[in-house]
Protein backbone atom coordinates (compact mmCIF):
# COMPACT_ATOMS: atom_id res chain seq x y z
CA MET A 1 -11.87 -1.95 -41.43
CA ARG A 2 -11.26 1.36 -39.77
CA VAL A 3 -11.80 1.03 -35.95
CA LEU A 4 -11.96 3.83 -33.38
CA HIS A 5 -11.60 2.79 -29.73
CA VAL A 6 -12.77 5.44 -27.29
CA SER A 7 -11.68 5.09 -23.72
CA PRO A 8 -11.26 7.28 -20.66
CA SER A 9 -7.71 5.87 -20.01
CA PHE A 10 -5.32 3.61 -22.09
CA TYR A 11 -2.08 1.71 -21.70
CA PRO A 12 0.26 2.18 -19.93
CA ALA A 13 -2.28 3.57 -17.26
CA HIS A 14 -1.95 0.32 -15.24
CA VAL A 15 -3.60 1.91 -12.17
CA TYR A 16 -6.89 1.13 -13.70
CA GLY A 17 -6.42 -2.68 -13.58
CA GLY A 18 -6.96 -5.44 -15.99
CA PRO A 19 -9.08 -3.63 -18.54
CA THR A 20 -6.17 -1.32 -19.40
CA ARG A 21 -4.04 -4.40 -20.52
CA SER A 22 -6.98 -6.16 -22.20
CA SER A 23 -7.92 -3.04 -24.28
CA TYR A 24 -4.33 -2.59 -25.42
CA GLU A 25 -3.96 -6.29 -26.34
CA LEU A 26 -7.24 -6.21 -28.33
CA CYS A 27 -6.00 -3.22 -30.34
CA ARG A 28 -2.76 -5.08 -31.09
CA SER A 29 -4.64 -8.19 -32.18
CA LEU A 30 -7.04 -6.25 -34.38
CA ALA A 31 -3.98 -4.47 -36.01
CA LYS A 32 -2.39 -7.77 -36.80
CA LEU A 33 -5.53 -8.96 -38.44
CA GLY A 34 -5.36 -5.96 -40.82
CA CYS A 35 -7.62 -3.50 -39.16
CA ASP A 36 -6.65 0.26 -39.18
CA VAL A 37 -7.00 0.97 -35.43
CA ARG A 38 -7.02 4.35 -33.74
CA VAL A 39 -7.53 5.03 -29.96
CA LEU A 40 -8.87 8.29 -28.64
CA THR A 41 -8.26 8.52 -24.88
CA THR A 42 -6.90 10.82 -22.24
CA ASP A 43 -3.55 10.96 -20.36
CA ALA A 44 -5.15 9.99 -16.97
CA ASP A 45 -3.11 7.78 -14.69
CA GLY A 46 -5.19 7.67 -11.66
CA LEU A 47 -6.89 10.69 -10.07
CA HIS A 48 -3.85 12.79 -9.33
CA LYS A 49 -1.35 11.66 -12.00
CA VAL A 50 -1.03 11.82 -15.80
CA LEU A 51 0.94 9.73 -18.32
CA ASP A 52 4.23 11.13 -19.61
CA VAL A 53 3.21 10.80 -23.33
CA GLU A 54 3.02 12.96 -26.37
CA LYS A 55 -0.32 14.93 -26.22
CA ASP A 56 -0.24 17.06 -29.46
CA GLY A 57 -0.71 14.35 -32.01
CA ASP A 58 -1.20 10.61 -32.63
CA VAL A 59 1.36 8.22 -31.14
CA ARG A 60 2.29 5.04 -32.98
CA VAL A 61 2.00 1.95 -30.69
CA GLU A 62 2.70 -1.51 -32.04
CA GLY A 63 0.66 -1.30 -35.23
CA PHE A 64 -1.95 1.29 -34.29
CA THR A 65 -2.12 4.77 -33.14
CA VAL A 66 -3.26 6.53 -29.90
CA ARG A 67 -4.30 10.12 -29.32
CA TYR A 68 -3.71 11.04 -25.70
CA CYS A 69 -5.84 14.08 -24.72
CA ARG A 70 -5.16 16.14 -21.73
CA ARG A 71 -7.26 15.26 -18.69
CA ARG A 72 -8.51 18.47 -16.98
CA PHE A 73 -10.72 17.29 -14.23
CA ARG A 74 -11.46 14.19 -12.24
CA HIS A 75 -10.43 10.84 -14.03
CA SER A 76 -11.26 11.61 -17.52
CA VAL A 77 -12.84 15.03 -18.12
CA SER A 78 -11.11 16.20 -21.35
CA PRO A 79 -12.52 19.05 -23.52
CA MET A 80 -9.91 18.08 -26.12
CA LEU A 81 -11.29 14.65 -26.48
CA VAL A 82 -14.78 16.08 -27.08
CA ARG A 83 -13.34 18.40 -29.75
CA LEU A 84 -11.57 15.59 -31.59
CA LEU A 85 -14.46 13.17 -31.23
CA ARG A 86 -16.34 14.28 -34.36
CA SER A 87 -13.51 13.98 -36.85
CA TYR A 88 -12.18 10.74 -35.36
CA ALA A 89 -15.66 9.14 -35.45
CA ALA A 90 -16.20 10.39 -39.01
CA TRP A 91 -13.07 8.55 -40.04
CA ALA A 92 -14.05 5.19 -38.58
CA ASP A 93 -16.28 2.41 -40.01
CA ILE A 94 -17.21 1.54 -36.37
CA VAL A 95 -16.62 2.88 -32.87
CA HIS A 96 -15.72 0.70 -29.95
CA LEU A 97 -16.51 2.44 -26.62
CA GLN A 98 -14.94 1.28 -23.32
CA TYR A 99 -16.34 1.68 -19.83
CA VAL A 100 -19.67 3.18 -18.70
CA TYR A 101 -19.47 5.70 -15.77
CA SER A 102 -16.83 8.00 -17.32
CA PHE A 103 -16.78 11.37 -19.10
CA PRO A 104 -16.38 10.15 -22.79
CA THR A 105 -19.46 7.87 -22.69
CA LEU A 106 -22.36 10.20 -23.31
CA PRO A 107 -20.49 12.41 -25.87
CA THR A 108 -19.44 9.30 -27.82
CA LEU A 109 -22.90 7.85 -27.86
CA PHE A 110 -24.40 11.26 -28.89
CA GLN A 111 -21.99 11.73 -31.69
CA CYS A 112 -22.56 8.24 -33.02
CA ARG A 113 -26.17 8.68 -32.97
CA LEU A 114 -25.91 11.88 -35.02
CA SER A 115 -23.77 10.16 -37.64
CA SER A 116 -25.53 6.85 -37.52
CA LYS A 117 -22.28 5.22 -36.70
CA PRO A 118 -22.36 1.56 -35.29
CA VAL A 119 -21.06 1.26 -31.72
CA ILE A 120 -19.71 -1.69 -29.88
CA TRP A 121 -19.68 -1.01 -26.22
CA SER A 122 -17.55 -2.80 -23.58
CA PRO A 123 -18.97 -2.07 -20.16
CA GLN A 124 -15.98 -3.80 -18.47
CA GLY A 125 -18.25 -5.04 -15.63
CA ALA A 126 -19.79 -1.72 -14.80
CA LEU A 127 -23.32 -2.83 -15.43
CA SER A 128 -23.11 -5.57 -12.78
CA ARG A 129 -24.00 -4.81 -9.23
CA TRP A 130 -23.00 -6.21 -5.84
CA GLN A 131 -24.03 -5.31 -2.26
CA GLY A 132 -21.04 -2.99 -1.79
CA SER A 133 -21.61 -1.05 -5.09
CA SER A 134 -21.01 2.73 -4.63
CA ARG A 135 -22.89 5.71 -5.99
CA ARG A 136 -26.02 3.73 -6.79
CA VAL A 137 -28.28 6.85 -7.25
CA ALA A 138 -25.81 8.55 -9.52
CA LYS A 139 -25.34 5.42 -11.61
CA ALA A 140 -29.19 5.07 -11.92
CA VAL A 141 -29.42 8.54 -13.32
CA TRP A 142 -26.65 7.90 -15.75
CA ASP A 143 -28.24 4.56 -16.74
CA PHE A 144 -31.46 6.37 -17.54
CA LEU A 145 -29.62 9.05 -19.62
CA TRP A 146 -27.74 6.68 -21.84
CA TYR A 147 -30.39 3.98 -22.15
CA TYR A 148 -33.14 6.39 -23.38
CA GLY A 149 -30.74 8.76 -25.10
CA ALA A 150 -28.57 6.30 -27.12
CA ASP A 151 -29.57 4.98 -30.46
CA LEU A 152 -29.84 1.32 -29.42
CA SER A 153 -30.36 0.13 -33.01
CA ASN A 154 -26.71 0.97 -33.74
CA LEU A 155 -25.35 -0.29 -30.41
CA THR A 156 -24.14 -3.74 -29.28
CA ALA A 157 -22.87 -4.41 -25.80
CA GLN A 158 -19.88 -6.76 -25.82
CA LEU A 159 -19.93 -8.65 -22.46
CA THR A 160 -17.18 -10.91 -21.39
CA SER A 161 -19.17 -13.62 -19.75
CA GLN A 162 -22.65 -15.21 -19.59
CA PRO A 163 -23.33 -13.91 -16.05
CA GLU A 164 -22.32 -10.28 -17.12
CA GLN A 165 -24.80 -10.66 -20.11
CA GLN A 166 -27.53 -11.88 -17.80
CA HIS A 167 -26.92 -8.91 -15.38
CA ALA A 168 -27.14 -6.45 -18.27
CA LEU A 169 -30.24 -7.87 -19.84
CA ALA A 170 -32.11 -8.04 -16.52
CA ARG A 171 -31.67 -4.35 -16.21
CA PHE A 172 -31.79 -3.34 -19.81
CA PRO A 173 -33.91 -5.91 -21.80
CA LYS A 174 -33.84 -4.03 -25.08
CA LEU A 175 -30.02 -4.04 -25.16
CA LYS A 176 -28.40 -6.05 -27.96
CA THR A 177 -25.56 -8.16 -26.53
CA CYS A 178 -22.79 -10.48 -27.55
CA VAL A 179 -20.52 -12.48 -25.25
CA ILE A 180 -16.74 -12.37 -26.30
CA PRO A 181 -14.28 -13.03 -23.51
CA ASN A 182 -11.21 -11.20 -22.85
CA GLY A 183 -8.01 -12.86 -24.16
CA VAL A 184 -4.77 -13.69 -22.46
CA ASP A 185 -1.08 -13.96 -23.34
CA VAL A 186 0.08 -17.51 -22.96
CA PRO A 187 3.90 -17.40 -22.38
CA SER A 188 5.87 -19.60 -24.67
CA ASP A 189 8.14 -20.79 -21.95
CA LEU A 190 7.67 -21.34 -18.20
CA HIS A 191 10.29 -21.92 -15.45
CA PRO A 192 8.23 -22.76 -12.36
CA THR A 193 10.17 -23.13 -9.09
CA GLU A 194 9.68 -26.11 -6.96
CA ARG A 195 7.86 -25.84 -3.59
CA THR A 196 10.15 -26.57 -0.79
CA GLY A 197 8.02 -25.78 2.21
CA ASP A 198 5.00 -23.66 2.74
CA LEU A 199 2.21 -23.54 0.20
CA ARG A 200 2.83 -20.45 -1.93
CA LEU A 201 -0.44 -18.57 -2.50
CA LEU A 202 -0.89 -15.29 -4.48
CA PHE A 203 -3.52 -12.67 -4.66
CA ILE A 204 -2.83 -10.32 -7.61
CA GLY A 205 -4.99 -7.42 -8.88
CA ARG A 206 -6.46 -4.07 -7.89
CA LEU A 207 -6.81 -3.60 -4.14
CA ASP A 208 -10.47 -2.69 -3.77
CA PRO A 209 -13.37 -3.87 -1.54
CA ILE A 210 -14.97 -5.70 -4.40
CA LYS A 211 -12.08 -8.06 -4.60
CA GLY A 212 -12.91 -9.76 -1.35
CA ILE A 213 -9.43 -9.40 0.20
CA GLU A 214 -10.81 -8.97 3.71
CA GLN A 215 -12.67 -12.30 3.34
CA LEU A 216 -9.33 -14.01 2.21
CA LEU A 217 -7.52 -12.55 5.30
CA ARG A 218 -10.09 -13.88 7.60
CA ALA A 219 -9.77 -17.28 5.93
CA PHE A 220 -6.10 -17.31 6.66
CA GLY A 221 -6.84 -16.20 10.25
CA ASN A 222 -8.96 -19.41 10.47
CA LEU A 223 -6.10 -21.56 9.05
CA SER A 224 -3.65 -20.01 11.52
CA ALA A 225 -6.03 -20.41 14.51
CA LYS A 226 -7.29 -24.07 13.86
CA ASP A 227 -4.27 -25.91 12.74
CA ASN A 228 -0.59 -25.70 11.68
CA PHE A 229 -1.21 -25.64 7.99
CA PRO A 230 1.99 -24.33 6.23
CA TRP A 231 1.23 -21.39 4.09
CA ARG A 232 2.25 -17.91 2.97
CA LEU A 233 0.51 -15.38 0.87
CA ALA A 234 1.78 -12.63 -1.55
CA ILE A 235 -0.52 -9.70 -2.22
CA ALA A 236 0.40 -7.96 -5.45
CA GLY A 237 -1.36 -4.82 -6.65
CA TRP A 238 -2.29 -1.25 -5.83
CA GLY A 239 -5.33 0.69 -4.93
CA ASN A 240 -6.65 3.66 -2.95
CA PRO A 241 -4.09 4.55 -0.25
CA ASP A 242 -6.61 4.56 2.41
CA TYR A 243 -7.90 1.05 1.52
CA VAL A 244 -4.29 -0.28 1.33
CA ALA A 245 -3.53 1.07 4.81
CA TYR A 246 -6.62 -0.64 5.95
CA ILE A 247 -5.64 -3.96 4.55
CA LYS A 248 -2.27 -3.57 6.17
CA GLN A 249 -4.04 -3.00 9.46
CA GLN A 250 -6.20 -6.08 9.00
CA ILE A 251 -3.06 -8.18 8.39
CA THR A 252 -1.62 -6.96 11.61
CA SER A 253 -4.78 -7.31 13.74
CA LEU A 254 -5.25 -10.90 12.53
CA GLY A 255 -1.54 -11.68 13.40
CA LEU A 256 -0.63 -12.52 9.83
CA GLN A 257 2.32 -10.11 9.33
CA GLU A 258 4.84 -13.06 9.32
CA ARG A 259 3.06 -14.90 6.67
CA VAL A 260 1.53 -12.18 4.32
CA ARG A 261 3.70 -9.89 2.10
CA MET A 262 2.32 -6.74 0.41
CA LEU A 263 4.34 -6.46 -2.76
CA GLY A 264 2.71 -3.26 -4.38
CA ALA A 265 2.34 -3.30 -8.30
CA VAL A 266 4.17 -6.07 -10.10
CA LEU A 267 4.31 -5.86 -13.87
CA GLY A 268 6.00 -7.40 -16.92
CA GLU A 269 8.70 -9.99 -16.29
CA GLY A 270 8.27 -9.41 -12.52
CA LYS A 271 4.75 -10.57 -12.88
CA LYS A 272 5.75 -13.64 -14.83
CA LYS A 273 8.36 -14.53 -12.17
CA LEU A 274 5.78 -14.16 -9.44
CA PHE A 275 3.47 -16.65 -11.09
CA GLU A 276 6.42 -19.04 -11.52
CA ASP A 277 7.06 -18.81 -7.78
CA THR A 278 3.34 -19.50 -6.96
CA ASP A 279 1.54 -22.78 -6.23
CA VAL A 280 -2.08 -21.45 -6.20
CA ALA A 281 -3.63 -18.16 -7.15
CA ILE A 282 -6.74 -17.04 -5.24
CA VAL A 283 -9.43 -14.65 -6.52
CA PRO A 284 -12.07 -14.15 -3.82
CA SER A 285 -13.92 -11.22 -5.50
CA HIS A 286 -17.48 -10.50 -4.59
CA SER A 287 -18.13 -9.77 -8.25
CA GLU A 288 -16.22 -10.08 -11.58
CA SER A 289 -17.47 -9.68 -15.17
CA PHE A 290 -14.44 -11.73 -16.33
CA GLY A 291 -11.48 -11.82 -13.98
CA ILE A 292 -8.39 -11.47 -16.19
CA VAL A 293 -6.02 -12.56 -13.41
CA ILE A 294 -7.66 -15.98 -13.42
CA ALA A 295 -6.91 -16.37 -17.04
CA GLU A 296 -3.29 -15.00 -16.53
CA ALA A 297 -2.63 -17.47 -13.66
CA LEU A 298 -3.85 -20.40 -15.70
CA ALA A 299 -1.80 -19.23 -18.72
CA HIS A 300 1.25 -19.52 -16.51
CA GLY A 301 0.29 -23.05 -15.34
CA VAL A 302 -1.03 -22.02 -11.86
CA PRO A 303 -4.17 -23.56 -10.55
CA VAL A 304 -6.85 -21.11 -9.14
CA ILE A 305 -9.28 -20.87 -6.34
CA ALA A 306 -12.05 -18.50 -7.49
CA SER A 307 -15.13 -17.31 -5.81
CA LYS A 308 -18.61 -17.83 -7.20
CA GLY A 309 -18.70 -14.06 -7.71
CA THR A 310 -16.47 -14.79 -10.82
CA PRO A 311 -17.78 -16.56 -13.98
CA TRP A 312 -15.26 -19.36 -13.72
CA SER A 313 -17.24 -22.52 -12.98
CA GLY A 314 -14.98 -24.17 -15.68
CA LEU A 315 -12.18 -24.31 -13.20
CA GLN A 316 -13.81 -27.33 -11.61
CA ASP A 317 -15.26 -28.73 -14.85
CA ARG A 318 -11.83 -28.81 -16.35
CA ASP A 319 -10.03 -29.77 -13.06
CA CYS A 320 -7.59 -26.84 -13.01
CA GLY A 321 -8.97 -25.13 -9.83
CA LEU A 322 -11.86 -24.67 -7.35
CA TRP A 323 -14.93 -22.53 -7.63
CA VAL A 324 -16.24 -21.78 -4.10
CA GLU A 325 -18.13 -19.31 -1.97
CA ASN A 326 -16.05 -16.47 -0.81
CA ASP A 327 -16.85 -16.69 2.90
CA PRO A 328 -13.77 -17.30 5.14
CA ASP A 329 -14.63 -20.86 5.99
CA SER A 330 -15.26 -21.86 2.31
CA LEU A 331 -12.05 -20.31 1.16
CA ALA A 332 -9.99 -21.91 4.08
CA ASN A 333 -11.42 -25.39 3.23
CA ALA A 334 -10.65 -24.85 -0.42
CA ILE A 335 -6.98 -23.99 0.37
CA ARG A 336 -6.76 -27.15 2.40
CA LYS A 337 -8.40 -29.33 -0.32
CA ILE A 338 -6.28 -27.91 -3.20
CA SER A 339 -3.05 -28.42 -1.24
CA ALA A 340 -3.59 -32.19 -1.45
CA LYS A 341 -4.18 -32.12 -5.15
CA PRO A 342 -1.58 -32.59 -7.99
CA MET A 343 -1.27 -28.79 -8.44
CA ARG A 344 1.27 -28.89 -11.20
CA ASP A 345 -0.98 -31.11 -13.32
CA MET A 346 -3.95 -28.95 -12.64
CA GLY A 347 -2.08 -25.90 -13.80
CA LEU A 348 -0.99 -27.51 -17.07
CA ARG A 349 -4.58 -28.39 -17.77
CA GLY A 350 -5.53 -24.79 -17.21
CA ARG A 351 -2.76 -23.67 -19.47
CA ASP A 352 -4.02 -25.93 -22.28
CA TRP A 353 -7.49 -24.38 -21.83
CA MET A 354 -6.26 -20.91 -22.31
CA GLN A 355 -4.22 -21.86 -25.41
CA THR A 356 -7.47 -23.50 -26.88
CA GLU A 357 -9.99 -20.76 -26.13
CA PHE A 358 -8.52 -17.62 -24.85
CA THR A 359 -5.62 -16.50 -27.04
CA TRP A 360 -5.80 -12.95 -28.29
CA ASP A 361 -5.76 -14.08 -31.89
CA SER A 362 -8.96 -16.09 -31.43
CA VAL A 363 -10.58 -13.24 -29.36
CA GLY A 364 -9.47 -10.61 -32.05
CA ARG A 365 -11.07 -12.70 -34.85
CA ARG A 366 -14.32 -12.95 -32.96
CA MET A 367 -14.29 -9.20 -32.36
CA LEU A 368 -13.57 -8.59 -36.00
CA ASP A 369 -16.56 -10.85 -36.85
CA LEU A 370 -18.75 -8.71 -34.59
CA TYR A 371 -17.50 -5.48 -36.18
CA CYS A 372 -18.28 -6.80 -39.70
CA GLU A 373 -21.73 -7.86 -38.64
CA SER A 374 -22.53 -4.47 -37.01
CA VAL A 375 -21.29 -2.47 -40.05
CA SER A 376 -23.25 -4.50 -42.52
CA ALA A 377 -26.46 -4.54 -40.56
């Protein structure tokens, strides 16, 4: 099976969050399963930076190849990518397109329509909406162009959760869909440190208004004002500098600067160590199509408090976390509640869940089955 992944950005462009890692791991998994995988992408690493990578030919990366095209404007405008698209798509049996509101989307759909090439499309949550969604008018125009311009008979949208599928079908009822979750690396060894005092809480991920960080900080303001509950919070991640500055200002205005640490980006072994030094991870997002950090925390044996804006009701069903509203009172009550539970046992149940249903090997096999069905249709 020859598989072409087209994406506006790719590993190691960590600035774009969890989808960067999940796309990379999926390509690795498919290569291990015997697929011939190529990635066509740009060198974008945020709005003002580019990756220091080879850009004049394919780069070999752990069993597959990546062609990084020079980004000329905005996040992913690359004339080189458009020039190469025809030959790369002609080589492939199937094209897997990542993201929605980015430069490569319409050219890829148009090229695949011309050549009757089957397309698997991973919107990465972009088709979902929340009350703070930006550029609604521009997105509506974009939606009209692709929905009525694409050859939907050759296109299947791969959604990562049932709620994401429901949101997509509510807006685009003719869209063929399939639910395949993201995978997660489950470390073979864990060395968690024992709690000796305050409850160690962690937010990790992209710093953006959709993540509900302000709600979380107000929850901790409630904890500090109403009782002497012993806690401390680490915030790991990066985002727009203006928003990061705003979060820091909120920490100060709420009087939380003695208990909240801003760590910046934490990757690799540093991320593993951070999970090992954590009692509970908190994901208070207003909306998530999947929420890879929830799976990562569970894979490291850390129980999770997640908002009902995430598709993780299974946290309570499997007794490895809490699934609550993301208003400050609900979050504060959830923190108090989970602190009285056997958190280590909860984390181990979550880790077993990840090993059973969310390994990259199992996700890769499901994706390969979808490719085969699409090619033979």
